[in-house]
Amino acid sequence: MDHYGILSVLPALIVIIFALITKRTLEALLLGTIATYVIIYGPSFAPMWSEAFFKAAGDADNQWVLIVCGLFGSLIALLAKSKGTLGFAGKLERYCNTSKKTLLTTWILGILIFIDEYLNIMTLGACMKKISDKKKIPRESLAYIIDSTGAPICVLLPFSTWAIFYSSVFYKQNGIPDLNFGGEIATYLRVIPFTFYAWISVIIVPLFILGVIPKLGRMKVAYERVEKNGEVYSNKSERFNNDLVDKYGEGEGQLIDFLLPIGTLIAITIIWGDLFIAVVSSLVVCLLLYIPRKKMSFGEFCDTYIEGFAGMIPTIAIVFMAFVMQQAANDIGLPAYVIETVTPYLNGTIFPAVAFIVVAILTFVTGSNWGIPAVCVPIIIPLGFSLGANPILVMAAILSGGTLGSHACFYSDATVLTSTSCSIDNMDHALSQFPYAAMAAVISLVGFLVCGIIM
């Protein structure tokens, strides 16, 4: 059996409902994985449930993500210890003299650091958190802007890790090379203008900052909290704010102690296209930059490195459980069930809009930014050709759906890393940004419906 019917959806619903009620992400994912294997194997579920953990841990791509997350924690701790973060913030602060300018600067920097969403998120969190705190900006607002310039920006530029991945996956499908657009990246360039969700998410941010789009839901509550008592984060986020920047205190920092490691990080990412090599290179630069200048001893360097890595353990735990949930969703046949359910109701006109919804839902409930689109592409693109749907729109719909899932899912790696970089509770971030993600999703859906009719 490829799936378990309507029961294939039940674990995902359990995860979402439990997380919304308890505001606990890790525990919701754990419960969802247990529910999955109970449905499949009944009372004897335990052996296969534990095997899912080993499969997730044994996947090389998953290992890469978890290690890179930990190394980013080490890098941020070293930047804080050296006061390099304060040096950069001090220079930037002269331009960020109002809350609106601070948030607009964050948005612009997010657009400029487009190579990789992890690089974007962790760098912006490290350099903008202190500045935004001084301007009494809710951390939820900062996190929303950082997350909105992560995946959405990466898919709109043909030089990013997202573009390289998706262009390769698309071009491998039968019929796409026959469009004769001139290769993988040339084909991807045709898709970018119709990637509605990414465009709209990025455009909504300055409208939010300037007050054209109002504060909604939990975001409104966050701004009211700041107005009432000046607290930039909620009580639930207290435990995340004995962080290393606070630990090492205020003081004068030198710009070179931030720019040289971060410059190395960005340059090596561009040259090698591998964030692991880039972050290791940046750590080596920190070693050579800080110890000879007596910013810290070798022992302090090693201790700080370990502290920073250990500080990422809660993030790594959630991301790893999301990987286990992805494995569970595949085992219970969730993608196959959803696609099989919607297929009888499709035609070429509405197909791009349906593809957008399906990929977004599957990416959201599994937290799999690249995994679900990679699984769905070999099914959705041939189906689109058979229905006579515009292939450019279909590819844009898949890309938009994956971006929406990454942006809105409360346990996707991008969401969790953004919460970590801004030192706030993960559900505070996820729920406060959700109305804006939903707004962009609705507008995108209308865009795909209209273009499906006229193209």
Protein backbone atom coordinates (compact mmCIF):
# COMPACT_ATOMS: atom_id res chain seq x y z
CA MET A 1 0.00 0.00 0.00
CA ASP A 2 1.37 3.42 -1.02
CA HIS A 3 -0.61 5.19 1.67
CA TYR A 4 -3.09 4.63 4.50
CA GLY A 5 -5.96 6.73 3.21
CA ILE A 6 -7.21 9.51 5.41
CA LEU A 7 -5.10 8.11 8.26
CA SER A 8 -2.01 9.33 6.36
CA VAL A 9 -3.03 12.88 7.29
CA LEU A 10 -3.75 12.19 10.97
CA PRO A 11 -0.15 12.43 12.33
CA ALA A 12 0.35 15.79 10.64
CA LEU A 13 -2.88 17.09 12.17
CA ILE A 14 -1.78 15.82 15.58
CA VAL A 15 1.51 17.71 15.27
CA ILE A 16 -0.16 20.98 14.28
CA ILE A 17 -2.97 20.83 16.85
CA PHE A 18 -0.70 19.74 19.72
CA ALA A 19 1.83 22.49 18.92
CA LEU A 20 -0.86 25.17 18.73
CA ILE A 21 -2.36 24.09 22.06
CA THR A 22 0.86 23.54 24.02
CA LYS A 23 3.17 25.94 22.13
CA ARG A 24 5.75 23.11 22.24
CA THR A 25 7.44 22.22 18.95
CA LEU A 26 9.75 19.31 19.83
CA GLU A 27 7.12 17.42 21.80
CA ALA A 28 4.55 17.88 19.01
CA LEU A 29 6.92 16.36 16.48
CA LEU A 30 7.74 13.47 18.78
CA LEU A 31 4.05 12.71 19.27
CA GLY A 32 3.48 12.92 15.51
CA THR A 33 6.18 10.35 14.76
CA ILE A 34 4.77 7.96 17.37
CA ALA A 35 1.27 8.34 15.94
CA THR A 36 2.60 7.57 12.46
CA TYR A 37 4.16 4.26 13.36
CA VAL A 38 1.27 3.24 15.62
CA ILE A 39 -1.02 3.65 12.58
CA ILE A 40 1.33 1.60 10.38
CA TYR A 41 2.43 -1.16 12.79
CA GLY A 42 -0.02 -1.08 15.68
CA PRO A 43 1.21 -2.15 19.14
CA SER A 44 4.52 -3.39 17.72
CA PHE A 45 5.43 0.04 16.38
CA ALA A 46 8.50 0.65 18.56
CA PRO A 47 11.21 -1.08 16.45
CA MET A 48 10.23 0.70 13.24
CA TRP A 49 9.77 3.98 15.08
CA SER A 50 13.33 3.77 16.39
CA GLU A 51 14.56 2.80 12.91
CA ALA A 52 13.15 6.09 11.59
CA PHE A 53 15.52 7.93 13.95
CA PHE A 54 18.49 6.00 12.62
CA LYS A 55 17.44 6.61 9.01
CA ALA A 56 17.15 10.34 9.68
CA ALA A 57 20.49 10.38 11.50
CA GLY A 58 22.18 8.35 8.76
CA ASP A 59 21.17 10.64 5.91
CA ALA A 60 24.22 12.61 4.73
CA ASP A 61 22.18 15.74 3.89
CA ASN A 62 20.62 15.72 7.36
CA GLN A 63 24.02 15.33 8.97
CA TRP A 64 25.28 18.31 6.99
CA VAL A 65 22.43 20.52 8.21
CA LEU A 66 22.86 19.53 11.87
CA ILE A 67 26.63 20.06 11.85
CA VAL A 68 26.37 23.40 10.05
CA CYS A 69 23.79 24.58 12.62
CA GLY A 70 26.15 23.70 15.46
CA LEU A 71 29.14 25.37 13.79
CA PHE A 72 27.11 28.54 13.26
CA GLY A 73 26.50 28.55 17.01
CA SER A 74 30.27 28.35 17.54
CA LEU A 75 30.92 31.19 15.12
CA ILE A 76 28.33 33.48 16.70
CA ALA A 77 29.73 32.77 20.17
CA LEU A 78 33.24 33.67 19.03
CA LEU A 79 32.03 36.87 17.38
CA ALA A 80 30.31 37.78 20.65
CA LYS A 81 33.33 36.90 22.80
CA SER A 82 35.62 39.03 20.63
CA LYS A 83 33.02 41.84 20.69
CA GLY A 84 33.16 41.83 16.89
CA THR A 85 29.36 41.83 16.82
CA LEU A 86 29.35 44.99 18.95
CA GLY A 87 31.89 46.57 16.61
CA PHE A 88 29.68 45.98 13.59
CA ALA A 89 26.53 47.03 15.43
CA GLY A 90 28.24 50.22 16.60
CA LYS A 91 29.08 51.25 13.03
CA LEU A 92 25.64 50.30 11.73
CA GLU A 93 23.80 52.01 14.57
CA ARG A 94 24.60 55.50 13.32
CA TYR A 95 22.34 54.80 10.33
CA CYS A 96 19.72 52.91 12.36
CA ASN A 97 18.59 55.86 14.45
CA THR A 98 14.87 55.02 14.33
CA SER A 99 12.93 51.78 14.55
CA LYS A 100 11.77 52.03 10.92
CA LYS A 101 15.32 52.61 9.65
CA THR A 102 16.53 49.67 11.74
CA LEU A 103 13.96 47.30 10.26
CA LEU A 104 14.46 48.65 6.71
CA THR A 105 18.21 48.13 7.12
CA THR A 106 17.56 44.55 8.21
CA TRP A 107 15.38 44.04 5.14
CA ILE A 108 18.02 45.49 2.80
CA LEU A 109 20.81 43.42 4.36
CA GLY A 110 18.61 40.35 4.02
CA ILE A 111 18.30 41.02 0.30
CA LEU A 112 22.04 41.56 -0.08
CA ILE A 113 23.02 38.35 1.76
CA PHE A 114 21.21 36.15 -0.74
CA ILE A 115 23.58 33.22 -1.19
CA ASP A 116 22.04 30.89 1.39
CA GLU A 117 19.17 31.20 3.85
CA TYR A 118 21.22 29.84 6.79
CA LEU A 119 23.93 32.40 6.08
CA ASN A 120 21.29 35.11 5.80
CA ILE A 121 19.45 34.20 8.99
CA MET A 122 22.39 33.66 11.30
CA THR A 123 24.33 36.70 10.11
CA LEU A 124 21.38 39.08 10.41
CA GLY A 125 20.41 37.75 13.81
CA ALA A 126 23.93 38.22 15.11
CA CYS A 127 24.34 41.80 13.91
CA MET A 128 20.82 43.30 14.26
CA LYS A 129 19.47 41.92 17.53
CA LYS A 130 21.21 44.40 19.83
CA ILE A 131 20.41 47.35 17.60
CA SER A 132 16.72 46.47 17.41
CA ASP A 133 16.57 45.96 21.17
CA LYS A 134 17.87 49.50 21.74
CA LYS A 135 15.13 50.84 19.47
CA LYS A 136 12.53 48.83 21.45
CA ILE A 137 11.53 46.72 18.47
CA PRO A 138 9.81 43.44 19.36
CA ARG A 139 12.04 40.47 18.61
CA GLU A 140 9.04 38.93 16.82
CA SER A 141 9.17 41.78 14.30
CA LEU A 142 12.90 41.35 13.73
CA ALA A 143 12.48 37.59 13.33
CA TYR A 144 9.66 38.03 10.81
CA ILE A 145 11.79 40.31 8.63
CA ILE A 146 14.82 38.02 8.81
CA ASP A 147 12.76 34.94 7.95
CA SER A 148 11.05 36.78 5.09
CA THR A 149 14.39 37.57 3.46
CA GLY A 150 15.68 34.01 3.86
CA ALA A 151 14.08 31.47 1.53
CA PRO A 152 11.98 34.07 -0.38
CA ILE A 153 15.09 35.99 -1.46
CA CYS A 154 17.09 32.84 -2.18
CA VAL A 155 14.54 31.56 -4.72
CA LEU A 156 14.39 34.89 -6.57
CA LEU A 157 18.08 35.03 -7.45
CA PRO A 158 19.75 32.51 -9.80
CA PHE A 159 23.02 32.50 -7.79
CA SER A 160 21.70 30.96 -4.57
CA THR A 161 21.74 27.40 -3.22
CA TRP A 162 17.96 27.20 -3.75
CA ALA A 163 18.29 28.19 -7.41
CA ILE A 164 21.01 25.63 -8.04
CA PHE A 165 18.97 22.87 -6.40
CA TYR A 166 15.62 23.62 -8.03
CA SER A 167 16.99 24.37 -11.49
CA SER A 168 18.72 20.99 -11.49
CA VAL A 169 15.61 19.12 -10.30
CA PHE A 170 13.36 20.85 -12.84
CA TYR A 171 15.66 20.31 -15.81
CA LYS A 172 15.88 16.57 -15.19
CA GLN A 173 12.17 16.12 -15.91
CA ASN A 174 11.03 14.90 -19.31
CA GLY A 175 9.74 17.72 -21.46
CA ILE A 176 11.53 20.58 -19.70
CA PRO A 177 14.71 20.47 -21.87
CA ASP A 178 12.43 20.34 -24.94
CA LEU A 179 11.19 23.84 -24.10
CA ASN A 180 14.57 25.02 -25.45
CA PHE A 181 15.10 27.83 -22.97
CA GLY A 182 18.85 27.26 -22.99
CA GLY A 183 19.79 25.11 -19.99
CA GLU A 184 19.08 24.80 -16.27
CA ILE A 185 19.68 28.38 -15.11
CA ALA A 186 18.17 29.88 -18.27
CA THR A 187 15.01 27.86 -17.61
CA TYR A 188 15.03 28.93 -13.97
CA LEU A 189 15.23 32.58 -15.06
CA ARG A 190 11.94 32.10 -16.94
CA VAL A 191 10.34 30.77 -13.75
CA ILE A 192 11.44 33.58 -11.38
CA PRO A 193 8.91 36.26 -12.51
CA PHE A 194 6.01 33.90 -11.70
CA THR A 195 7.28 32.79 -8.29
CA PHE A 196 4.54 34.83 -6.71
CA TYR A 197 4.90 33.81 -3.07
CA ALA A 198 8.55 34.83 -2.87
CA TRP A 199 7.93 38.22 -4.52
CA ILE A 200 4.91 39.03 -2.39
CA SER A 201 6.59 37.96 0.88
CA VAL A 202 9.51 40.27 0.19
CA ILE A 203 7.28 43.19 -0.86
CA ILE A 204 5.01 42.87 2.18
CA VAL A 205 7.95 43.48 4.55
CA PRO A 206 8.56 47.21 3.79
CA LEU A 207 4.79 47.77 3.72
CA PHE A 208 4.66 46.25 7.21
CA ILE A 209 7.59 48.38 8.38
CA LEU A 210 6.06 51.61 7.05
CA GLY A 211 2.66 50.82 8.59
CA VAL A 212 0.81 50.37 5.29
CA ILE A 213 0.03 46.81 6.39
CA PRO A 214 -1.09 46.82 10.05
CA LYS A 215 0.21 44.77 12.96
CA LEU A 216 -1.91 41.62 13.09
CA GLY A 217 -2.53 38.84 15.60
CA ARG A 218 0.44 37.92 17.77
CA MET A 219 2.52 40.65 16.14
CA LYS A 220 0.07 43.26 17.41
CA VAL A 221 0.29 41.70 20.88
CA ALA A 222 4.10 41.91 20.72
CA TYR A 223 4.02 45.63 19.90
CA GLU A 224 1.47 46.23 22.67
CA ARG A 225 3.79 44.43 25.11
CA VAL A 226 6.67 46.74 24.21
CA GLU A 227 4.47 49.83 24.57
CA LYS A 228 3.20 48.63 27.94
CA ASN A 229 6.39 47.53 29.69
CA GLY A 230 9.27 47.91 27.23
CA GLU A 231 9.96 44.16 27.00
CA VAL A 232 11.19 43.22 23.53
CA TYR A 233 10.45 39.51 24.05
CA SER A 234 7.82 37.51 25.92
CA ASN A 235 8.19 35.68 29.22
CA LYS A 236 8.49 32.41 27.30
CA SER A 237 11.64 33.74 25.64
CA GLU A 238 13.39 34.60 28.92
CA ARG A 239 15.30 31.32 28.92
CA PHE A 240 16.86 32.12 25.54
CA ASN A 241 18.27 35.44 26.63
CA ASN A 242 21.09 34.55 28.93
CA ASP A 243 22.92 34.42 25.62
CA LEU A 244 26.60 34.76 24.91
CA VAL A 245 26.38 38.37 23.75
CA ASP A 246 24.90 39.33 27.12
CA LYS A 247 27.37 37.08 28.91
CA TYR A 248 30.34 38.86 27.40
CA GLY A 249 28.81 42.24 28.11
CA GLU A 250 28.83 45.57 26.38
CA GLY A 251 31.94 47.47 25.42
CA GLU A 252 33.95 48.64 22.47
CA GLY A 253 34.35 46.25 19.61
CA GLN A 254 36.44 46.44 16.48
CA LEU A 255 34.78 46.18 13.09
CA ILE A 256 37.47 43.89 11.68
CA ASP A 257 36.62 41.21 14.28
CA PHE A 258 33.19 40.90 12.66
CA LEU A 259 33.78 41.76 9.03
CA LEU A 260 36.76 39.50 8.36
CA PRO A 261 35.13 36.26 9.62
CA ILE A 262 31.75 37.11 8.05
CA GLY A 263 33.42 38.28 4.83
CA THR A 264 35.25 34.97 4.68
CA LEU A 265 31.99 33.13 5.28
CA ILE A 266 30.25 34.91 2.39
CA ALA A 267 33.23 34.73 0.00
CA ILE A 268 33.86 31.00 0.52
CA THR A 269 30.15 30.28 0.14
CA ILE A 270 30.19 32.06 -3.23
CA ILE A 271 33.43 30.41 -4.39
CA TRP A 272 32.87 26.84 -3.16
CA GLY A 273 29.10 26.73 -2.89
CA ASP A 274 29.41 24.79 0.38
CA LEU A 275 28.36 26.42 3.61
CA PHE A 276 30.16 23.80 5.72
CA ILE A 277 33.53 24.68 4.16
CA ALA A 278 32.66 28.35 4.52
CA VAL A 279 31.82 28.25 8.22
CA VAL A 280 34.89 26.12 9.03
CA SER A 281 37.04 28.64 7.12
CA SER A 282 35.45 31.45 9.09
CA LEU A 283 36.24 29.69 12.36
CA VAL A 284 39.87 29.34 11.28
CA VAL A 285 39.96 33.07 10.51
CA CYS A 286 38.62 33.73 14.02
CA LEU A 287 41.42 31.60 15.46
CA LEU A 288 44.11 33.47 13.53
CA LEU A 289 42.52 36.87 14.15
CA TYR A 290 41.69 36.74 17.84
CA ILE A 291 44.43 34.74 19.58
CA PRO A 292 47.55 36.57 18.31
CA ARG A 293 45.89 39.89 19.16
CA LYS A 294 45.07 38.57 22.65
CA LYS A 295 41.31 38.93 22.19
CA MET A 296 41.21 35.56 23.92
CA SER A 297 43.55 32.76 24.87
CA PHE A 298 43.59 29.46 23.00
CA GLY A 299 41.80 27.84 25.94
CA GLU A 300 39.11 30.54 25.91
CA PHE A 301 38.74 30.11 22.17
CA CYS A 302 38.13 26.37 22.56
CA ASP A 303 35.74 26.81 25.49
CA THR A 304 33.74 29.46 23.62
CA TYR A 305 33.62 27.29 20.50
CA ILE A 306 32.14 24.41 22.53
CA GLU A 307 29.71 26.69 24.40
CA GLY A 308 28.42 28.08 21.14
CA PHE A 309 27.94 24.64 19.61
CA ALA A 310 26.20 23.42 22.76
CA GLY A 311 23.93 26.48 22.70
CA MET A 312 22.53 25.23 19.39
CA ILE A 313 21.47 21.86 20.83
CA PRO A 314 17.79 22.87 21.30
CA THR A 315 17.68 24.05 17.69
CA ILE A 316 19.42 20.91 16.44
CA ALA A 317 16.96 18.75 18.41
CA ILE A 318 13.93 20.36 16.74
CA VAL A 319 15.48 20.22 13.28
CA PHE A 320 16.41 16.56 13.77
CA MET A 321 12.89 15.70 14.92
CA ALA A 322 11.60 17.45 11.80
CA PHE A 323 13.79 15.09 9.76
CA VAL A 324 12.29 12.11 11.61
CA MET A 325 8.83 13.51 10.86
CA GLN A 326 9.75 13.75 7.18
CA GLN A 327 10.74 10.08 7.22
CA ALA A 328 7.49 9.19 8.99
CA ALA A 329 5.42 11.16 6.45
CA ASN A 330 7.08 9.30 3.60
CA ASP A 331 6.56 5.93 5.31
CA ILE A 332 2.85 6.54 5.83
CA GLY A 333 2.46 7.78 2.26
CA LEU A 334 1.33 11.33 2.96
CA PRO A 335 2.60 12.83 -0.35
CA ALA A 336 1.10 9.97 -2.39
CA TYR A 337 -2.27 10.27 -0.62
CA VAL A 338 -2.55 14.05 -1.07
CA ILE A 339 -1.60 13.95 -4.75
CA GLU A 340 -3.89 10.97 -5.45
CA THR A 341 -6.77 12.75 -3.69
CA VAL A 342 -6.59 15.97 -5.71
CA THR A 343 -5.73 14.47 -9.14
CA PRO A 344 -9.33 13.60 -10.23
CA TYR A 345 -10.40 17.24 -9.86
CA LEU A 346 -7.63 18.79 -11.96
CA ASN A 347 -7.50 20.55 -15.32
CA GLY A 348 -4.78 22.57 -17.01
CA THR A 349 -6.25 25.93 -16.00
CA ILE A 350 -6.31 25.40 -12.24
CA PHE A 351 -3.39 22.96 -12.10
CA PRO A 352 -0.68 25.55 -11.18
CA ALA A 353 -2.83 26.84 -8.30
CA VAL A 354 -3.49 23.29 -7.06
CA ALA A 355 0.20 22.42 -7.38
CA PHE A 356 1.04 25.47 -5.27
CA ILE A 357 -1.40 24.41 -2.55
CA VAL A 358 -0.33 20.75 -2.56
CA VAL A 359 3.41 21.47 -2.35
CA ALA A 360 2.83 24.13 0.30
CA ILE A 361 0.72 21.81 2.47
CA LEU A 362 3.15 18.89 2.16
CA THR A 363 6.16 21.11 2.83
CA PHE A 364 4.40 22.69 5.80
CA VAL A 365 3.34 19.46 7.51
CA THR A 366 6.68 17.72 6.97
CA GLY A 367 8.99 20.71 7.41
CA SER A 368 10.93 19.46 4.38
CA ASN A 369 12.05 22.51 2.42
CA TRP A 370 13.72 20.62 -0.41
CA GLY A 371 12.70 17.02 0.21
CA ILE A 372 8.99 17.32 -0.56
CA PRO A 373 9.44 19.40 -3.73
CA ALA A 374 12.06 16.89 -4.92
CA VAL A 375 9.58 14.05 -4.31
CA CYS A 376 6.68 15.90 -5.95
CA VAL A 377 8.43 17.30 -9.03
CA PRO A 378 8.64 13.95 -10.91
CA ILE A 379 4.88 13.54 -10.34
CA ILE A 380 3.60 17.10 -10.74
CA ILE A 381 5.49 18.19 -13.87
CA PRO A 382 4.49 15.17 -16.05
CA LEU A 383 0.93 15.51 -14.76
CA GLY A 384 0.97 19.19 -15.71
CA PHE A 385 2.14 18.36 -19.24
CA SER A 386 -0.63 15.76 -19.61
CA LEU A 387 -3.26 18.33 -18.58
CA GLY A 388 -1.89 21.02 -20.86
CA ALA A 389 -0.86 23.34 -18.03
CA ASN A 390 1.80 25.98 -18.66
CA PRO A 391 5.09 24.33 -17.52
CA ILE A 392 6.62 27.65 -16.43
CA LEU A 393 3.65 28.29 -14.15
CA VAL A 394 3.81 24.73 -12.82
CA MET A 395 7.49 25.07 -11.91
CA ALA A 396 6.83 28.48 -10.33
CA ALA A 397 3.97 26.97 -8.33
CA ILE A 398 6.23 24.21 -6.99
CA LEU A 399 8.90 26.77 -6.12
CA SER A 400 6.35 29.04 -4.43
CA GLY A 401 4.82 26.15 -2.49
CA GLY A 402 8.22 25.06 -1.19
CA THR A 403 9.02 28.63 -0.17
CA LEU A 404 5.69 29.01 1.64
CA GLY A 405 6.24 25.75 3.50
CA SER A 406 9.73 26.82 4.56
CA HIS A 407 8.54 30.26 5.62
CA ALA A 408 5.34 29.32 7.45
CA CYS A 409 6.08 25.90 8.99
CA PHE A 410 6.83 26.30 12.69
CA TYR A 411 9.39 23.47 12.70
CA SER A 412 11.14 24.05 9.37
CA ASP A 413 14.88 24.60 9.73
CA ALA A 414 14.55 28.23 8.55
CA THR A 415 11.89 29.06 11.15
CA VAL A 416 13.75 27.37 13.99
CA LEU A 417 17.08 28.97 13.05
CA THR A 418 15.44 32.39 12.86
CA SER A 419 13.97 31.94 16.34
CA THR A 420 17.40 30.90 17.61
CA SER A 421 19.23 33.78 15.96
CA CYS A 422 16.77 36.25 17.51
CA SER A 423 16.74 34.46 20.89
CA ILE A 424 12.97 34.03 21.10
CA ASP A 425 10.58 31.15 21.61
CA ASN A 426 10.01 29.31 18.34
CA MET A 427 6.21 29.42 18.53
CA ASP A 428 6.29 33.17 19.33
CA HIS A 429 8.05 33.68 16.01
CA ALA A 430 6.03 31.19 13.99
CA LEU A 431 2.63 32.42 15.15
CA SER A 432 3.45 36.14 14.92
CA GLN A 433 4.60 35.89 11.30
CA PHE A 434 1.85 33.50 10.19
CA PRO A 435 -0.77 36.17 9.25
CA TYR A 436 1.70 37.76 6.84
CA ALA A 437 2.67 34.40 5.34
CA ALA A 438 -1.04 33.61 4.94
CA MET A 439 -1.64 36.99 3.28
CA ALA A 440 1.14 36.32 0.76
CA ALA A 441 -0.21 32.80 0.20
CA VAL A 442 -3.73 34.03 -0.65
CA ILE A 443 -2.45 36.68 -3.08
CA SER A 444 -0.15 34.07 -4.68
CA LEU A 445 -3.04 31.65 -5.10
CA VAL A 446 -5.03 34.33 -6.91
CA GLY A 447 -2.01 35.01 -9.10
CA PHE A 448 -1.71 31.37 -10.13
CA LEU A 449 -5.44 31.13 -10.83
CA VAL A 450 -5.41 34.25 -13.00
CA CYS A 451 -2.26 33.27 -14.88
CA GLY A 452 -3.60 29.74 -15.34
CA ILE A 453 -6.56 31.25 -17.19
CA ILE A 454 -4.68 33.74 -19.38
CA MET A 455 -1.46 31.84 -20.15
